[in-house]
Amino acid sequence: MYTAEQARAYKPRLGAFEYLYAQLGCRPQDTLHVSASPRYDLQSATDLGVRETVYLNRGYEPSAPHCHAYEVTTLTGVAELLGF
């Protein structure tokens, strides 16, 4: 597990995401990013080059289609997108 404290950066700052990708040894475009917050997660992930993004819309923030590829309302919806 990696924390924002370890990264010394908090969302939506890109440093938190860059730290994570460095720790995982992968590129943003090779990942799927799932979040319930377009404002604090999905926009940053999109800015870094994540192509596959899922907005888990729980009704707390408005949809932002410009920063996510898919939108679901449950974790079951995420699993279905992944073919489970």
N, C-alpha and C. Protein backbone atom coordinates (compact mmCIF):
# COMPACT_ATOMS: atom_id res chain seq x y z
N MET A 1 0.84 -1.17 0.00
CA MET A 1 0.00 0.00 0.00
C MET A 1 0.89 1.24 0.00
N TYR A 2 0.49 2.22 -0.78
CA TYR A 2 1.22 3.48 -0.86
C TYR A 2 0.29 4.60 -0.40
N THR A 3 0.85 5.57 0.27
CA THR A 3 0.03 6.65 0.81
C THR A 3 0.47 8.00 0.24
N ALA A 4 -0.44 8.95 0.33
CA ALA A 4 -0.13 10.33 -0.07
C ALA A 4 0.98 10.89 0.82
N GLU A 5 1.00 10.47 2.07
CA GLU A 5 2.05 10.92 2.98
C GLU A 5 3.43 10.47 2.48
N GLN A 6 3.53 9.23 2.02
CA GLN A 6 4.79 8.76 1.46
C GLN A 6 5.18 9.56 0.22
N ALA A 7 4.20 9.88 -0.60
CA ALA A 7 4.45 10.63 -1.83
C ALA A 7 4.73 12.10 -1.56
N ARG A 8 4.36 12.55 -0.36
CA ARG A 8 4.46 13.97 0.00
C ARG A 8 3.70 14.85 -0.98
N ALA A 9 2.56 14.32 -1.41
CA ALA A 9 1.68 15.03 -2.33
C ALA A 9 0.27 14.50 -2.13
N TYR A 10 -0.69 15.39 -2.22
CA TYR A 10 -2.09 15.01 -2.02
C TYR A 10 -2.90 15.33 -3.26
N LYS A 11 -3.88 14.49 -3.52
CA LYS A 11 -4.73 14.69 -4.69
C LYS A 11 -5.44 16.04 -4.58
N PRO A 12 -5.60 16.68 -5.68
CA PRO A 12 -5.42 16.25 -7.06
C PRO A 12 -4.03 16.53 -7.64
N ARG A 13 -3.05 16.87 -6.81
CA ARG A 13 -1.70 17.13 -7.34
C ARG A 13 -1.16 15.90 -8.04
N LEU A 14 -0.53 16.11 -9.17
CA LEU A 14 -0.04 15.00 -9.98
C LEU A 14 1.08 14.22 -9.30
N GLY A 15 1.78 14.84 -8.38
CA GLY A 15 2.89 14.16 -7.70
C GLY A 15 2.46 12.89 -7.00
N ALA A 16 1.27 12.87 -6.46
CA ALA A 16 0.78 11.66 -5.79
C ALA A 16 0.65 10.51 -6.79
N PHE A 17 0.14 10.81 -7.95
CA PHE A 17 -0.01 9.80 -8.99
C PHE A 17 1.35 9.38 -9.55
N GLU A 18 2.22 10.35 -9.80
CA GLU A 18 3.54 10.04 -10.33
C GLU A 18 4.33 9.14 -9.38
N TYR A 19 4.21 9.41 -8.10
CA TYR A 19 4.85 8.57 -7.09
C TYR A 19 4.34 7.13 -7.19
N LEU A 20 3.03 6.97 -7.27
CA LEU A 20 2.45 5.64 -7.35
C LEU A 20 2.94 4.89 -8.58
N TYR A 21 2.93 5.54 -9.75
CA TYR A 21 3.38 4.86 -10.96
C TYR A 21 4.86 4.49 -10.88
N ALA A 22 5.66 5.33 -10.26
CA ALA A 22 7.07 5.00 -10.09
C ALA A 22 7.24 3.78 -9.18
N GLN A 23 6.46 3.72 -8.11
CA GLN A 23 6.53 2.59 -7.20
C GLN A 23 6.08 1.29 -7.87
N LEU A 24 5.06 1.39 -8.69
CA LEU A 24 4.52 0.20 -9.37
C LEU A 24 5.35 -0.20 -10.59
N GLY A 25 6.16 0.73 -11.08
CA GLY A 25 6.98 0.44 -12.24
C GLY A 25 6.16 0.29 -13.52
N CYS A 26 5.12 1.08 -13.63
CA CYS A 26 4.28 1.02 -14.83
C CYS A 26 3.98 2.43 -15.33
N ARG A 27 3.39 2.47 -16.50
CA ARG A 27 3.03 3.75 -17.11
C ARG A 27 1.54 4.01 -16.92
N PRO A 28 1.14 5.26 -16.83
CA PRO A 28 -0.29 5.57 -16.68
C PRO A 28 -1.16 4.93 -17.76
N GLN A 29 -0.68 4.92 -18.99
CA GLN A 29 -1.48 4.38 -20.09
C GLN A 29 -1.64 2.86 -20.02
N ASP A 30 -0.94 2.22 -19.09
CA ASP A 30 -1.06 0.77 -18.92
C ASP A 30 -1.98 0.39 -17.76
N THR A 31 -2.70 1.37 -17.21
CA THR A 31 -3.52 1.10 -16.03
C THR A 31 -4.98 1.46 -16.26
N LEU A 32 -5.81 0.97 -15.37
CA LEU A 32 -7.22 1.34 -15.30
C LEU A 32 -7.40 2.09 -13.99
N HIS A 33 -7.96 3.27 -14.07
CA HIS A 33 -8.17 4.08 -12.86
C HIS A 33 -9.66 4.18 -12.59
N VAL A 34 -10.07 3.75 -11.40
CA VAL A 34 -11.46 3.79 -10.98
C VAL A 34 -11.58 4.76 -9.82
N SER A 35 -12.55 5.65 -9.89
CA SER A 35 -12.72 6.63 -8.82
C SER A 35 -14.16 7.12 -8.75
N ALA A 36 -14.54 7.55 -7.55
CA ALA A 36 -15.84 8.18 -7.35
C ALA A 36 -15.72 9.69 -7.38
N SER A 37 -14.55 10.21 -7.82
CA SER A 37 -14.35 11.65 -7.85
C SER A 37 -13.68 12.12 -9.14
N PRO A 38 -14.47 12.64 -10.08
CA PRO A 38 -13.83 13.22 -11.27
C PRO A 38 -12.89 14.36 -10.91
N ARG A 39 -13.27 15.14 -9.93
CA ARG A 39 -12.49 16.33 -9.57
C ARG A 39 -11.14 15.98 -8.94
N TYR A 40 -11.10 15.02 -8.05
CA TYR A 40 -9.86 14.73 -7.33
C TYR A 40 -9.05 13.57 -7.88
N ASP A 41 -9.62 12.78 -8.74
CA ASP A 41 -8.90 11.63 -9.26
C ASP A 41 -8.88 11.56 -10.78
N LEU A 42 -10.06 11.52 -11.37
CA LEU A 42 -10.13 11.22 -12.79
C LEU A 42 -9.52 12.30 -13.67
N GLN A 43 -9.67 13.56 -13.31
CA GLN A 43 -9.06 14.61 -14.12
C GLN A 43 -7.54 14.50 -14.06
N SER A 44 -6.99 14.26 -12.88
CA SER A 44 -5.54 14.10 -12.75
C SER A 44 -5.04 12.89 -13.51
N ALA A 45 -5.75 11.76 -13.39
CA ALA A 45 -5.36 10.55 -14.11
C ALA A 45 -5.38 10.80 -15.62
N THR A 46 -6.40 11.48 -16.10
CA THR A 46 -6.50 11.80 -17.52
C THR A 46 -5.35 12.70 -17.94
N ASP A 47 -5.02 13.69 -17.12
CA ASP A 47 -3.92 14.61 -17.43
C ASP A 47 -2.58 13.87 -17.53
N LEU A 48 -2.44 12.79 -16.77
CA LEU A 48 -1.19 12.01 -16.80
C LEU A 48 -1.13 11.01 -17.95
N GLY A 49 -2.24 10.79 -18.62
CA GLY A 49 -2.24 9.89 -19.77
C GLY A 49 -2.94 8.57 -19.56
N VAL A 50 -3.66 8.42 -18.45
CA VAL A 50 -4.45 7.20 -18.26
C VAL A 50 -5.56 7.20 -19.30
N ARG A 51 -5.64 6.15 -20.07
CA ARG A 51 -6.66 6.08 -21.13
C ARG A 51 -7.94 5.42 -20.65
N GLU A 52 -7.80 4.48 -19.76
CA GLU A 52 -8.96 3.73 -19.27
C GLU A 52 -9.35 4.22 -17.89
N THR A 53 -10.41 4.99 -17.82
CA THR A 53 -10.87 5.53 -16.55
C THR A 53 -12.35 5.20 -16.36
N VAL A 54 -12.70 4.93 -15.12
CA VAL A 54 -14.08 4.59 -14.78
C VAL A 54 -14.54 5.50 -13.66
N TYR A 55 -15.65 6.16 -13.89
CA TYR A 55 -16.27 6.99 -12.86
C TYR A 55 -17.31 6.15 -12.15
N LEU A 56 -17.09 5.90 -10.88
CA LEU A 56 -18.05 5.19 -10.03
C LEU A 56 -18.99 6.25 -9.47
N ASN A 57 -20.06 6.50 -10.20
CA ASN A 57 -20.98 7.60 -9.88
C ASN A 57 -21.90 7.20 -8.74
N ARG A 58 -21.63 7.72 -7.57
CA ARG A 58 -22.46 7.45 -6.40
C ARG A 58 -23.39 8.61 -6.08
N GLY A 59 -23.46 9.57 -7.00
CA GLY A 59 -24.39 10.67 -6.85
C GLY A 59 -23.88 11.85 -6.04
N TYR A 60 -22.60 11.87 -5.71
CA TYR A 60 -22.05 12.95 -4.90
C TYR A 60 -21.46 14.07 -5.74
N GLU A 61 -21.03 13.76 -6.95
CA GLU A 61 -20.44 14.75 -7.85
C GLU A 61 -21.08 14.58 -9.22
N PRO A 62 -21.14 15.65 -10.00
CA PRO A 62 -21.72 15.52 -11.34
C PRO A 62 -20.80 14.71 -12.25
N SER A 63 -21.40 14.10 -13.23
CA SER A 63 -20.64 13.37 -14.23
C SER A 63 -19.74 14.34 -14.99
N ALA A 64 -18.60 13.85 -15.42
CA ALA A 64 -17.65 14.67 -16.18
C ALA A 64 -17.10 13.83 -17.33
N PRO A 65 -17.90 13.63 -18.37
CA PRO A 65 -17.53 12.71 -19.45
C PRO A 65 -16.19 13.02 -20.11
N HIS A 66 -15.72 14.25 -20.01
CA HIS A 66 -14.44 14.59 -20.63
C HIS A 66 -13.26 13.93 -19.92
N CYS A 67 -13.46 13.41 -18.71
CA CYS A 67 -12.32 12.82 -18.00
C CYS A 67 -12.56 11.37 -17.58
N HIS A 68 -13.53 10.71 -18.19
CA HIS A 68 -13.64 9.27 -17.95
C HIS A 68 -14.20 8.57 -19.19
N ALA A 69 -13.73 7.35 -19.35
CA ALA A 69 -14.14 6.56 -20.50
C ALA A 69 -15.43 5.80 -20.24
N TYR A 70 -15.64 5.42 -18.99
CA TYR A 70 -16.81 4.63 -18.62
C TYR A 70 -17.44 5.22 -17.36
N GLU A 71 -18.72 4.96 -17.19
CA GLU A 71 -19.40 5.40 -15.98
C GLU A 71 -20.29 4.27 -15.49
N VAL A 72 -20.17 3.95 -14.21
CA VAL A 72 -20.98 2.91 -13.58
C VAL A 72 -21.50 3.46 -12.26
N THR A 73 -22.45 2.77 -11.67
CA THR A 73 -22.99 3.24 -10.39
C THR A 73 -22.69 2.28 -9.23
N THR A 74 -22.09 1.13 -9.53
CA THR A 74 -21.76 0.15 -8.49
C THR A 74 -20.41 -0.49 -8.79
N LEU A 75 -19.82 -1.10 -7.77
CA LEU A 75 -18.60 -1.87 -8.00
C LEU A 75 -18.87 -3.09 -8.87
N THR A 76 -20.07 -3.59 -8.82
CA THR A 76 -20.45 -4.69 -9.71
C THR A 76 -20.32 -4.23 -11.16
N GLY A 77 -20.67 -2.98 -11.42
CA GLY A 77 -20.51 -2.42 -12.76
C GLY A 77 -19.06 -2.40 -13.21
N VAL A 78 -18.15 -2.13 -12.29
CA VAL A 78 -16.72 -2.17 -12.62
C VAL A 78 -16.32 -3.60 -12.97
N ALA A 79 -16.74 -4.54 -12.15
CA ALA A 79 -16.42 -5.95 -12.41
C ALA A 79 -16.95 -6.38 -13.77
N GLU A 80 -18.15 -5.95 -14.12
CA GLU A 80 -18.73 -6.29 -15.42
C GLU A 80 -17.92 -5.70 -16.56
N LEU A 81 -17.42 -4.47 -16.40
CA LEU A 81 -16.56 -3.87 -17.42
C LEU A 81 -15.30 -4.70 -17.65
N LEU A 82 -14.83 -5.31 -16.56
CA LEU A 82 -13.60 -6.11 -16.63
C LEU A 82 -13.87 -7.54 -17.08
N GLY A 83 -15.13 -7.87 -17.28
CA GLY A 83 -15.48 -9.20 -17.77
C GLY A 83 -15.65 -10.25 -16.69
N PHE A 84 -15.87 -9.81 -15.46
CA PHE A 84 -16.09 -10.78 -14.36
C PHE A 84 -17.55 -11.00 -14.13
